[in-house]
Amino acid sequence: MFQFNFHDRKIGFALTGAYSTFEVIIPYMKKLVENGANVVPIMSFNSYNIDTRYGKSKEFIEKIEEITNNKIINTFVEAEPLGQKKIIDILVIAPCTGNTISKLANGITDTPVLLAAKSNLRNDNNIVIGICTNDGLSSNAENIGKLLNRKHYYFIPFKQDNPITKPRSLAFDLTYLIPTIEYALNNEQIQPILL
């Protein structure tokens, strides 16, 4: 087992629009920082700008920037240099919505998170996916399959979110977030992927 020492590691940490997870994900950013990582936060247009019943975007932004001591990347202009300047060693997209998964699988780069992914891949750096989608076992199953079979993509172990009321919904298990990053930094997929 790895030691979870992220000293001198630059970890891009991107959030997309699964707003219900933000409150529980932010403490994991703090754990990464406490374990020596320089966390570079990135947010999609929607996650950066939309207030929801789960919280106000401004409050999430303030917490994230305070924890990471970095300004959130939320525009194309800010995201594009990530690869050129080799600003990050790995990119975590958690939560990663079905919308983002489908675009990653099909080469679409129309948000700061997707451009960060493209920019990161140009350096042969890895991407960690924390899947969080209501259509993972329906319309997005094919796209998940594509990413599972592509080089540089590593999945945080996931399971059905609620098989009774949301039978096609998938969600990653937060307890595996940090170990998955450690494995992915060593070009390994943590197992099992399906819980």
N, C-alpha and C. Protein backbone atom coordinates (compact mmCIF):
# COMPACT_ATOMS: atom_id res chain seq x y z
N MET A 1 0.85 -1.18 0.00
CA MET A 1 0.00 0.00 0.00
C MET A 1 0.89 1.24 0.00
N PHE A 2 0.41 2.29 -0.64
CA PHE A 2 1.16 3.53 -0.74
C PHE A 2 1.02 4.37 0.54
N GLN A 3 1.88 5.36 0.67
CA GLN A 3 1.96 6.15 1.90
C GLN A 3 1.18 7.47 1.87
N PHE A 4 0.65 7.86 0.74
CA PHE A 4 -0.11 9.09 0.60
C PHE A 4 0.69 10.32 0.98
N ASN A 5 1.89 10.41 0.44
CA ASN A 5 2.72 11.59 0.61
C ASN A 5 2.75 12.30 -0.74
N PHE A 6 2.12 13.44 -0.80
CA PHE A 6 2.00 14.16 -2.06
C PHE A 6 2.94 15.37 -2.11
N HIS A 7 4.01 15.33 -1.32
CA HIS A 7 4.97 16.43 -1.28
C HIS A 7 5.47 16.74 -2.69
N ASP A 8 5.41 18.01 -3.05
CA ASP A 8 5.86 18.51 -4.36
C ASP A 8 5.00 18.05 -5.52
N ARG A 9 3.86 17.42 -5.26
CA ARG A 9 2.95 17.03 -6.34
C ARG A 9 1.97 18.16 -6.61
N LYS A 10 1.75 18.43 -7.88
CA LYS A 10 0.79 19.46 -8.30
C LYS A 10 -0.44 18.73 -8.84
N ILE A 11 -1.52 18.81 -8.08
CA ILE A 11 -2.73 18.06 -8.41
C ILE A 11 -3.83 19.03 -8.85
N GLY A 12 -4.21 18.94 -10.12
CA GLY A 12 -5.37 19.69 -10.58
C GLY A 12 -6.61 18.99 -10.04
N PHE A 13 -7.52 19.75 -9.48
CA PHE A 13 -8.73 19.15 -8.90
C PHE A 13 -9.93 19.88 -9.48
N ALA A 14 -10.66 19.22 -10.35
CA ALA A 14 -11.76 19.84 -11.08
C ALA A 14 -13.11 19.36 -10.59
N LEU A 15 -14.04 20.30 -10.49
CA LEU A 15 -15.41 19.99 -10.11
C LEU A 15 -16.34 20.32 -11.27
N THR A 16 -17.25 19.39 -11.56
CA THR A 16 -18.30 19.64 -12.53
C THR A 16 -19.63 19.64 -11.77
N GLY A 17 -20.74 19.73 -12.49
CA GLY A 17 -22.02 20.07 -11.89
C GLY A 17 -22.79 19.08 -11.05
N ALA A 18 -22.18 18.14 -10.40
CA ALA A 18 -22.90 17.28 -9.44
C ALA A 18 -22.84 17.98 -8.08
N TYR A 19 -23.63 19.03 -7.95
CA TYR A 19 -23.54 19.96 -6.83
C TYR A 19 -23.71 19.29 -5.47
N SER A 20 -24.47 18.22 -5.40
CA SER A 20 -24.75 17.57 -4.12
C SER A 20 -23.49 17.01 -3.47
N THR A 21 -22.42 16.87 -4.22
CA THR A 21 -21.18 16.29 -3.68
C THR A 21 -20.18 17.33 -3.20
N PHE A 22 -20.37 18.60 -3.52
CA PHE A 22 -19.35 19.61 -3.24
C PHE A 22 -18.98 19.67 -1.76
N GLU A 23 -19.98 19.68 -0.91
CA GLU A 23 -19.74 19.84 0.53
C GLU A 23 -18.86 18.72 1.08
N VAL A 24 -19.00 17.50 0.55
CA VAL A 24 -18.21 16.38 1.05
C VAL A 24 -16.87 16.23 0.33
N ILE A 25 -16.73 16.84 -0.84
CA ILE A 25 -15.47 16.74 -1.58
C ILE A 25 -14.44 17.75 -1.08
N ILE A 26 -14.88 18.92 -0.71
CA ILE A 26 -13.95 19.97 -0.28
C ILE A 26 -13.00 19.52 0.83
N PRO A 27 -13.47 18.78 1.85
CA PRO A 27 -12.53 18.30 2.88
C PRO A 27 -11.43 17.39 2.32
N TYR A 28 -11.69 16.71 1.21
CA TYR A 28 -10.65 15.86 0.61
C TYR A 28 -9.58 16.71 -0.07
N MET A 29 -9.98 17.86 -0.58
CA MET A 29 -8.97 18.80 -1.09
C MET A 29 -8.04 19.21 0.05
N LYS A 30 -8.64 19.46 1.20
CA LYS A 30 -7.86 19.85 2.39
C LYS A 30 -6.90 18.72 2.78
N LYS A 31 -7.37 17.47 2.74
CA LYS A 31 -6.49 16.34 3.07
C LYS A 31 -5.31 16.26 2.13
N LEU A 32 -5.54 16.52 0.84
CA LEU A 32 -4.45 16.51 -0.13
C LEU A 32 -3.42 17.58 0.22
N VAL A 33 -3.91 18.78 0.54
CA VAL A 33 -3.01 19.88 0.92
C VAL A 33 -2.24 19.50 2.18
N GLU A 34 -2.93 18.93 3.16
CA GLU A 34 -2.27 18.52 4.41
C GLU A 34 -1.22 17.45 4.18
N ASN A 35 -1.37 16.67 3.09
CA ASN A 35 -0.39 15.64 2.75
C ASN A 35 0.64 16.14 1.75
N GLY A 36 0.78 17.47 1.63
CA GLY A 36 1.87 18.05 0.86
C GLY A 36 1.56 18.46 -0.56
N ALA A 37 0.35 18.24 -1.05
CA ALA A 37 0.03 18.56 -2.44
C ALA A 37 -0.21 20.05 -2.63
N ASN A 38 0.18 20.53 -3.80
CA ASN A 38 -0.24 21.83 -4.27
C ASN A 38 -1.48 21.58 -5.11
N VAL A 39 -2.66 21.88 -4.58
CA VAL A 39 -3.92 21.60 -5.27
C VAL A 39 -4.31 22.82 -6.09
N VAL A 40 -4.45 22.60 -7.39
CA VAL A 40 -4.86 23.64 -8.33
C VAL A 40 -6.33 23.41 -8.65
N PRO A 41 -7.24 24.23 -8.10
CA PRO A 41 -8.67 24.00 -8.30
C PRO A 41 -9.17 24.51 -9.65
N ILE A 42 -10.08 23.74 -10.23
CA ILE A 42 -10.66 24.06 -11.54
C ILE A 42 -12.16 23.80 -11.42
N MET A 43 -12.96 24.67 -11.99
CA MET A 43 -14.41 24.46 -11.97
C MET A 43 -14.99 24.70 -13.36
N SER A 44 -16.01 23.91 -13.69
CA SER A 44 -16.74 24.14 -14.93
C SER A 44 -17.49 25.46 -14.82
N PHE A 45 -17.95 25.97 -15.97
CA PHE A 45 -18.71 27.22 -15.96
C PHE A 45 -19.89 27.12 -14.99
N ASN A 46 -20.67 26.04 -15.10
CA ASN A 46 -21.86 25.91 -14.27
C ASN A 46 -21.53 25.76 -12.80
N SER A 47 -20.57 24.92 -12.46
CA SER A 47 -20.25 24.72 -11.05
C SER A 47 -19.71 26.00 -10.41
N TYR A 48 -19.07 26.85 -11.21
CA TYR A 48 -18.52 28.09 -10.70
C TYR A 48 -19.58 29.19 -10.53
N ASN A 49 -20.63 29.12 -11.34
CA ASN A 49 -21.57 30.24 -11.40
C ASN A 49 -22.97 29.98 -10.86
N ILE A 50 -23.39 28.74 -10.70
CA ILE A 50 -24.79 28.47 -10.37
C ILE A 50 -24.96 28.15 -8.89
N ASP A 51 -25.90 28.86 -8.26
CA ASP A 51 -26.32 28.54 -6.89
C ASP A 51 -27.40 27.46 -6.98
N THR A 52 -27.35 26.50 -6.06
CA THR A 52 -28.35 25.43 -6.06
C THR A 52 -28.86 25.22 -4.63
N ARG A 53 -29.76 24.29 -4.49
CA ARG A 53 -30.26 23.97 -3.15
C ARG A 53 -29.16 23.38 -2.26
N TYR A 54 -28.05 22.97 -2.88
CA TYR A 54 -26.93 22.41 -2.11
C TYR A 54 -25.94 23.45 -1.63
N GLY A 55 -26.11 24.69 -2.07
CA GLY A 55 -25.22 25.75 -1.60
C GLY A 55 -25.01 26.83 -2.63
N LYS A 56 -24.41 27.90 -2.19
CA LYS A 56 -24.12 29.05 -3.06
C LYS A 56 -22.72 28.90 -3.64
N SER A 57 -22.60 29.14 -4.93
CA SER A 57 -21.31 28.96 -5.60
C SER A 57 -20.23 29.83 -4.96
N LYS A 58 -20.58 31.06 -4.58
CA LYS A 58 -19.59 31.96 -3.98
C LYS A 58 -19.00 31.37 -2.70
N GLU A 59 -19.84 30.72 -1.90
CA GLU A 59 -19.35 30.12 -0.66
C GLU A 59 -18.41 28.94 -0.93
N PHE A 60 -18.76 28.11 -1.94
CA PHE A 60 -17.88 27.00 -2.31
C PHE A 60 -16.54 27.54 -2.83
N ILE A 61 -16.62 28.57 -3.66
CA ILE A 61 -15.40 29.16 -4.22
C ILE A 61 -14.49 29.68 -3.10
N GLU A 62 -15.06 30.40 -2.16
CA GLU A 62 -14.26 30.94 -1.05
C GLU A 62 -13.61 29.83 -0.24
N LYS A 63 -14.35 28.76 0.06
CA LYS A 63 -13.78 27.63 0.83
C LYS A 63 -12.64 26.98 0.07
N ILE A 64 -12.86 26.71 -1.21
CA ILE A 64 -11.85 26.02 -2.02
C ILE A 64 -10.58 26.87 -2.14
N GLU A 65 -10.74 28.15 -2.42
CA GLU A 65 -9.56 29.01 -2.57
C GLU A 65 -8.82 29.20 -1.25
N GLU A 66 -9.55 29.21 -0.15
CA GLU A 66 -8.90 29.33 1.16
C GLU A 66 -8.11 28.06 1.48
N ILE A 67 -8.70 26.90 1.22
CA ILE A 67 -8.03 25.62 1.51
C ILE A 67 -6.80 25.42 0.65
N THR A 68 -6.93 25.70 -0.66
CA THR A 68 -5.84 25.41 -1.60
C THR A 68 -4.82 26.53 -1.70
N ASN A 69 -5.22 27.73 -1.26
CA ASN A 69 -4.38 28.92 -1.42
C ASN A 69 -4.08 29.19 -2.90
N ASN A 70 -5.01 28.78 -3.76
CA ASN A 70 -4.91 29.03 -5.20
C ASN A 70 -6.24 29.55 -5.71
N LYS A 71 -6.16 30.43 -6.70
CA LYS A 71 -7.36 30.92 -7.36
C LYS A 71 -7.93 29.81 -8.23
N ILE A 72 -9.25 29.70 -8.26
CA ILE A 72 -9.90 28.67 -9.08
C ILE A 72 -9.78 29.03 -10.55
N ILE A 73 -9.37 28.07 -11.34
CA ILE A 73 -9.35 28.21 -12.80
C ILE A 73 -10.78 27.98 -13.28
N ASN A 74 -11.34 28.97 -13.99
CA ASN A 74 -12.72 28.82 -14.43
C ASN A 74 -12.98 29.41 -15.82
N THR A 75 -11.92 29.66 -16.56
CA THR A 75 -12.07 30.15 -17.93
C THR A 75 -11.16 29.35 -18.85
N PHE A 76 -11.43 29.46 -20.14
CA PHE A 76 -10.57 28.80 -21.13
C PHE A 76 -9.16 29.39 -21.08
N VAL A 77 -9.06 30.69 -20.95
CA VAL A 77 -7.76 31.35 -20.94
C VAL A 77 -6.91 30.85 -19.78
N GLU A 78 -7.53 30.62 -18.63
CA GLU A 78 -6.79 30.13 -17.46
C GLU A 78 -6.45 28.65 -17.57
N ALA A 79 -7.33 27.87 -18.21
CA ALA A 79 -7.12 26.41 -18.28
C ALA A 79 -6.10 26.00 -19.34
N GLU A 80 -6.03 26.74 -20.41
CA GLU A 80 -5.20 26.33 -21.54
C GLU A 80 -3.71 26.16 -21.21
N PRO A 81 -3.10 27.03 -20.39
CA PRO A 81 -1.67 26.87 -20.09
C PRO A 81 -1.31 25.69 -19.20
N LEU A 82 -2.29 25.01 -18.62
CA LEU A 82 -1.97 23.90 -17.71
C LEU A 82 -1.02 22.90 -18.35
N GLY A 83 -1.23 22.59 -19.61
CA GLY A 83 -0.35 21.66 -20.31
C GLY A 83 0.92 22.31 -20.80
N GLN A 84 0.78 23.45 -21.46
CA GLN A 84 1.96 24.12 -22.02
C GLN A 84 3.01 24.42 -20.96
N LYS A 85 2.56 24.88 -19.81
CA LYS A 85 3.50 25.27 -18.75
C LYS A 85 3.73 24.16 -17.73
N LYS A 86 3.13 23.00 -17.98
CA LYS A 86 3.28 21.84 -17.09
C LYS A 86 2.97 22.20 -15.64
N ILE A 87 1.82 22.82 -15.46
CA ILE A 87 1.42 23.33 -14.14
C ILE A 87 0.98 22.21 -13.20
N ILE A 88 0.42 21.12 -13.74
CA ILE A 88 -0.05 20.03 -12.88
C ILE A 88 0.57 18.70 -13.31
N ASP A 89 0.64 17.77 -12.34
CA ASP A 89 1.17 16.43 -12.59
C ASP A 89 0.07 15.44 -12.91
N ILE A 90 -1.14 15.71 -12.43
CA ILE A 90 -2.27 14.82 -12.59
C ILE A 90 -3.53 15.67 -12.45
N LEU A 91 -4.62 15.22 -13.06
CA LEU A 91 -5.88 15.94 -12.96
C LEU A 91 -6.93 15.00 -12.38
N VAL A 92 -7.60 15.47 -11.34
CA VAL A 92 -8.73 14.76 -10.74
C VAL A 92 -10.00 15.49 -11.17
N ILE A 93 -10.96 14.76 -11.72
CA ILE A 93 -12.27 15.34 -12.02
C ILE A 93 -13.27 14.61 -11.14
N ALA A 94 -13.65 15.27 -10.05
CA ALA A 94 -14.54 14.65 -9.08
C ALA A 94 -15.35 15.74 -8.38
N PRO A 95 -16.63 15.79 -8.58
CA PRO A 95 -17.45 14.86 -9.33
C PRO A 95 -17.29 15.06 -10.83
N CYS A 96 -17.41 13.96 -11.55
CA CYS A 96 -17.39 13.99 -13.01
C CYS A 96 -18.77 13.55 -13.49
N THR A 97 -19.53 14.50 -14.01
CA THR A 97 -20.90 14.22 -14.44
C THR A 97 -20.94 13.41 -15.74
N GLY A 98 -22.10 12.87 -16.03
CA GLY A 98 -22.30 12.16 -17.30
C GLY A 98 -22.04 13.06 -18.49
N ASN A 99 -22.41 14.32 -18.39
CA ASN A 99 -22.16 15.28 -19.46
C ASN A 99 -20.66 15.40 -19.73
N THR A 100 -19.87 15.53 -18.67
CA THR A 100 -18.42 15.65 -18.83
C THR A 100 -17.82 14.35 -19.34
N ILE A 101 -18.30 13.22 -18.84
CA ILE A 101 -17.80 11.92 -19.31
C ILE A 101 -18.04 11.76 -20.80
N SER A 102 -19.25 12.10 -21.25
CA SER A 102 -19.56 11.94 -22.68
C SER A 102 -18.68 12.84 -23.53
N LYS A 103 -18.40 14.04 -23.04
CA LYS A 103 -17.54 14.94 -23.81
C LYS A 103 -16.08 14.48 -23.80
N LEU A 104 -15.59 14.00 -22.66
CA LEU A 104 -14.22 13.45 -22.60
C LEU A 104 -14.09 12.29 -23.59
N ALA A 105 -15.08 11.41 -23.60
CA ALA A 105 -15.03 10.22 -24.46
C ALA A 105 -15.07 10.56 -25.93
N ASN A 106 -15.61 11.74 -26.25
CA ASN A 106 -15.79 12.10 -27.66
C ASN A 106 -14.98 13.32 -28.08
N GLY A 107 -13.99 13.69 -27.28
CA GLY A 107 -13.04 14.72 -27.67
C GLY A 107 -13.60 16.14 -27.71
N ILE A 108 -14.60 16.43 -26.92
CA ILE A 108 -15.19 17.77 -26.88
C ILE A 108 -14.56 18.55 -25.74
N THR A 109 -14.13 19.79 -26.03
CA THR A 109 -13.46 20.60 -25.01
C THR A 109 -14.13 21.97 -24.91
N ASP A 110 -15.35 22.01 -24.40
CA ASP A 110 -16.09 23.27 -24.36
C ASP A 110 -16.32 23.82 -22.96
N THR A 111 -15.54 23.35 -21.98
CA THR A 111 -15.58 23.94 -20.63
C THR A 111 -14.13 24.03 -20.13
N PRO A 112 -13.88 24.82 -19.11
CA PRO A 112 -12.52 24.88 -18.55
C PRO A 112 -12.02 23.52 -18.06
N VAL A 113 -12.92 22.69 -17.51
CA VAL A 113 -12.51 21.36 -17.03
C VAL A 113 -12.07 20.49 -18.20
N LEU A 114 -12.82 20.51 -19.28
CA LEU A 114 -12.47 19.69 -20.44
C LEU A 114 -11.19 20.18 -21.11
N LEU A 115 -11.00 21.48 -21.17
CA LEU A 115 -9.75 22.01 -21.72
C LEU A 115 -8.57 21.67 -20.81
N ALA A 116 -8.80 21.68 -19.50
CA ALA A 116 -7.76 21.27 -18.56
C ALA A 116 -7.38 19.82 -18.80
N ALA A 117 -8.37 18.97 -19.06
CA ALA A 117 -8.10 17.55 -19.34
C ALA A 117 -7.28 17.40 -20.62
N LYS A 118 -7.71 18.07 -21.67
CA LYS A 118 -6.97 18.00 -22.94
C LYS A 118 -5.54 18.50 -22.76
N SER A 119 -5.40 19.61 -22.05
CA SER A 119 -4.10 20.20 -21.82
C SER A 119 -3.20 19.27 -21.00
N ASN A 120 -3.79 18.60 -20.01
CA ASN A 120 -3.07 17.65 -19.17
C ASN A 120 -2.61 16.43 -19.97
N LEU A 121 -3.49 15.92 -20.84
CA LEU A 121 -3.16 14.74 -21.63
C LEU A 121 -2.03 14.99 -22.63
N ARG A 122 -1.88 16.22 -23.06
CA ARG A 122 -0.81 16.51 -24.03
C ARG A 122 0.56 16.21 -23.44
N ASN A 123 0.66 16.19 -22.11
CA ASN A 123 1.92 15.87 -21.43
C ASN A 123 1.97 14.41 -20.97
N ASP A 124 1.04 13.58 -21.47
CA ASP A 124 0.95 12.18 -21.04
C ASP A 124 0.73 12.05 -19.54
N ASN A 125 0.03 13.02 -18.96
CA ASN A 125 -0.34 12.95 -17.54
C ASN A 125 -1.68 12.24 -17.39
N ASN A 126 -1.90 11.69 -16.23
CA ASN A 126 -3.10 10.90 -15.98
C ASN A 126 -4.27 11.75 -15.49
N ILE A 127 -5.46 11.20 -15.69
CA ILE A 127 -6.70 11.82 -15.24
C ILE A 127 -7.43 10.82 -14.36
N VAL A 128 -7.85 11.27 -13.18
CA VAL A 128 -8.63 10.45 -12.26
C VAL A 128 -10.08 10.90 -12.36
N ILE A 129 -10.97 9.94 -12.58
CA ILE A 129 -12.39 10.22 -12.76
C ILE A 129 -13.17 9.76 -11.53
N GLY A 130 -13.94 10.68 -10.95
CA GLY A 130 -14.87 10.35 -9.87
C GLY A 130 -16.28 10.45 -10.43
N ILE A 131 -16.75 9.36 -10.97
CA ILE A 131 -18.02 9.35 -11.70
C ILE A 131 -19.20 9.66 -10.78
N CYS A 132 -20.09 10.51 -11.27
CA CYS A 132 -21.29 10.87 -10.51
C CYS A 132 -22.36 11.25 -11.54
N THR A 133 -23.16 10.27 -11.93
CA THR A 133 -24.12 10.50 -13.01
C THR A 133 -25.37 9.64 -12.85
N ASN A 134 -26.50 10.20 -13.23
CA ASN A 134 -27.76 9.46 -13.17
C ASN A 134 -27.97 8.55 -14.37
N ASP A 135 -27.11 8.65 -15.40
CA ASP A 135 -27.30 7.83 -16.60
C ASP A 135 -26.12 6.91 -16.90
N GLY A 136 -25.37 6.55 -15.85
CA GLY A 136 -24.18 5.71 -16.03
C GLY A 136 -24.46 4.31 -16.53
N LEU A 137 -25.63 3.78 -16.20
CA LEU A 137 -26.00 2.44 -16.67
C LEU A 137 -27.05 2.52 -17.78
N SER A 138 -27.10 3.66 -18.46
CA SER A 138 -27.99 3.80 -19.62
C SER A 138 -27.22 4.54 -20.71
N SER A 139 -27.59 5.75 -21.04
CA SER A 139 -27.00 6.43 -22.19
C SER A 139 -25.50 6.70 -22.06
N ASN A 140 -24.97 6.77 -20.87
CA ASN A 140 -23.54 7.04 -20.72
C ASN A 140 -22.68 5.80 -20.50
N ALA A 141 -23.29 4.64 -20.47
CA ALA A 141 -22.51 3.41 -20.27
C ALA A 141 -21.44 3.25 -21.36
N GLU A 142 -21.79 3.55 -22.58
CA GLU A 142 -20.84 3.43 -23.69
C GLU A 142 -19.65 4.37 -23.49
N ASN A 143 -19.91 5.60 -23.05
CA ASN A 143 -18.83 6.57 -22.85
C ASN A 143 -17.92 6.18 -21.69
N ILE A 144 -18.51 5.65 -20.63
CA ILE A 144 -17.70 5.15 -19.51
C ILE A 144 -16.79 4.03 -20.00
N GLY A 145 -17.35 3.13 -20.81
CA GLY A 145 -16.57 2.04 -21.39
C GLY A 145 -15.40 2.54 -22.21
N LYS A 146 -15.64 3.59 -23.00
CA LYS A 146 -14.55 4.16 -23.80
C LYS A 146 -13.40 4.63 -22.91
N LEU A 147 -13.75 5.35 -21.85
CA LEU A 147 -12.69 5.89 -20.97
C LEU A 147 -11.99 4.80 -20.17
N LEU A 148 -12.74 3.76 -19.79
CA LEU A 148 -12.12 2.64 -19.07
C LEU A 148 -11.05 1.95 -19.92
N ASN A 149 -11.18 2.07 -21.23
CA ASN A 149 -10.25 1.41 -22.14
C ASN A 149 -9.21 2.35 -22.75
N ARG A 150 -9.14 3.56 -22.26
CA ARG A 150 -8.17 4.52 -22.77
C ARG A 150 -7.02 4.70 -21.80
N LYS A 151 -5.86 4.90 -22.38
CA LYS A 151 -4.66 5.18 -21.61
C LYS A 151 -4.84 6.52 -20.87
N HIS A 152 -4.30 6.59 -19.69
CA HIS A 152 -4.25 7.80 -18.86
C HIS A 152 -5.54 8.11 -18.10
N TYR A 153 -6.55 7.25 -18.18
CA TYR A 153 -7.77 7.46 -17.40
C TYR A 153 -7.86 6.42 -16.30
N TYR A 154 -8.06 6.88 -15.07
CA TYR A 154 -8.15 6.02 -13.90
C TYR A 154 -9.42 6.39 -13.13
N PHE A 155 -10.17 5.38 -12.73
CA PHE A 155 -11.46 5.61 -12.08
C PHE A 155 -11.39 5.37 -10.57
N ILE A 156 -11.95 6.31 -9.83
CA ILE A 156 -12.19 6.08 -8.41
C ILE A 156 -13.26 4.99 -8.34
N PRO A 157 -13.09 3.95 -7.55
CA PRO A 157 -14.10 2.88 -7.49
C PRO A 157 -15.51 3.44 -7.28
N PHE A 158 -16.44 2.83 -8.01
CA PHE A 158 -17.82 3.34 -7.99
C PHE A 158 -18.83 2.21 -7.90
N LYS A 159 -20.07 2.61 -7.65
CA LYS A 159 -21.16 1.64 -7.51
C LYS A 159 -22.47 2.32 -7.89
N GLN A 160 -23.53 1.54 -7.91
CA GLN A 160 -24.84 2.13 -8.12
C GLN A 160 -25.13 3.06 -6.96
N ASP A 161 -25.60 4.23 -7.29
CA ASP A 161 -25.89 5.25 -6.28
C ASP A 161 -27.05 4.83 -5.39
N ASN A 162 -28.16 4.47 -6.00
CA ASN A 162 -29.34 4.01 -5.27
C ASN A 162 -30.11 3.08 -6.21
N PRO A 163 -29.85 1.77 -6.14
CA PRO A 163 -30.42 0.85 -7.12
C PRO A 163 -31.95 0.77 -7.11
N ILE A 164 -32.58 1.19 -6.04
CA ILE A 164 -34.04 1.10 -5.97
C ILE A 164 -34.71 2.28 -6.66
N THR A 165 -34.35 3.50 -6.27
CA THR A 165 -35.02 4.67 -6.84
C THR A 165 -34.29 5.27 -8.05
N LYS A 166 -32.98 4.97 -8.19
CA LYS A 166 -32.20 5.47 -9.33
C LYS A 166 -31.36 4.32 -9.90
N PRO A 167 -31.99 3.36 -10.54
CA PRO A 167 -31.28 2.13 -10.93
C PRO A 167 -30.18 2.32 -11.98
N ARG A 168 -30.12 3.44 -12.66
CA ARG A 168 -29.07 3.64 -13.67
C ARG A 168 -28.00 4.64 -13.20
N SER A 169 -28.11 5.08 -11.96
CA SER A 169 -27.21 6.09 -11.41
C SER A 169 -25.95 5.45 -10.83
N LEU A 170 -24.80 6.10 -11.08
CA LEU A 170 -23.51 5.64 -10.56
C LEU A 170 -22.84 6.76 -9.78
N ALA A 171 -22.15 6.39 -8.71
CA ALA A 171 -21.42 7.37 -7.91
C ALA A 171 -20.13 6.75 -7.38
N PHE A 172 -19.09 7.56 -7.35
CA PHE A 172 -17.80 7.09 -6.83
C PHE A 172 -17.83 7.08 -5.31
N ASP A 173 -16.96 6.28 -4.73
CA ASP A 173 -16.84 6.17 -3.27
C ASP A 173 -15.70 7.07 -2.81
N LEU A 174 -16.05 8.12 -2.07
CA LEU A 174 -15.07 9.12 -1.63
C LEU A 174 -13.91 8.53 -0.84
N THR A 175 -14.14 7.45 -0.13
CA THR A 175 -13.07 6.89 0.69
C THR A 175 -11.90 6.39 -0.17
N TYR A 176 -12.15 6.19 -1.46
CA TYR A 176 -11.09 5.73 -2.37
C TYR A 176 -10.44 6.87 -3.15
N LEU A 177 -10.87 8.10 -2.95
CA LEU A 177 -10.36 9.21 -3.75
C LEU A 177 -8.84 9.35 -3.62
N ILE A 178 -8.34 9.49 -2.42
CA ILE A 178 -6.90 9.70 -2.23
C ILE A 178 -6.08 8.47 -2.63
N PRO A 179 -6.49 7.25 -2.25
CA PRO A 179 -5.72 6.09 -2.74
C PRO A 179 -5.70 5.98 -4.27
N THR A 180 -6.80 6.34 -4.93
CA THR A 180 -6.84 6.26 -6.39
C THR A 180 -5.85 7.24 -7.00
N ILE A 181 -5.75 8.43 -6.44
CA ILE A 181 -4.77 9.41 -6.94
C ILE A 181 -3.36 8.85 -6.78
N GLU A 182 -3.08 8.27 -5.63
CA GLU A 182 -1.74 7.72 -5.39
C GLU A 182 -1.42 6.61 -6.39
N TYR A 183 -2.35 5.73 -6.61
CA TYR A 183 -2.14 4.67 -7.60
C TYR A 183 -1.95 5.25 -9.00
N ALA A 184 -2.80 6.21 -9.37
CA ALA A 184 -2.72 6.78 -10.72
C ALA A 184 -1.41 7.52 -10.94
N LEU A 185 -0.86 8.13 -9.90
CA LEU A 185 0.45 8.76 -10.03
C LEU A 185 1.54 7.73 -10.32
N ASN A 186 1.24 6.47 -9.99
CA ASN A 186 2.16 5.36 -10.29
C ASN A 186 1.68 4.53 -11.48
N ASN A 187 0.77 5.12 -12.29
CA ASN A 187 0.23 4.48 -13.50
C ASN A 187 -0.45 3.15 -13.21
N GLU A 188 -1.16 3.09 -12.10
CA GLU A 188 -1.91 1.88 -11.74
C GLU A 188 -3.35 2.22 -11.46
N GLN A 189 -4.25 1.32 -11.85
CA GLN A 189 -5.67 1.45 -11.52
C GLN A 189 -5.93 0.71 -10.22
N ILE A 190 -6.43 1.43 -9.21
CA ILE A 190 -6.80 0.77 -7.97
C ILE A 190 -7.91 -0.25 -8.25
N GLN A 191 -7.90 -1.34 -7.53
CA GLN A 191 -8.91 -2.39 -7.73
C GLN A 191 -9.59 -2.71 -6.41
N PRO A 192 -10.83 -3.16 -6.45
CA PRO A 192 -11.65 -3.28 -7.64
C PRO A 192 -12.23 -1.94 -8.04
N ILE A 193 -12.58 -1.79 -9.32
CA ILE A 193 -13.20 -0.55 -9.80
C ILE A 193 -14.67 -0.53 -9.42
N LEU A 194 -15.32 -1.66 -9.54
CA LEU A 194 -16.74 -1.76 -9.20
C LEU A 194 -16.90 -2.27 -7.77
N LEU A 195 -17.66 -1.56 -6.98
CA LEU A 195 -17.86 -1.94 -5.58
C LEU A 195 -19.18 -2.66 -5.39
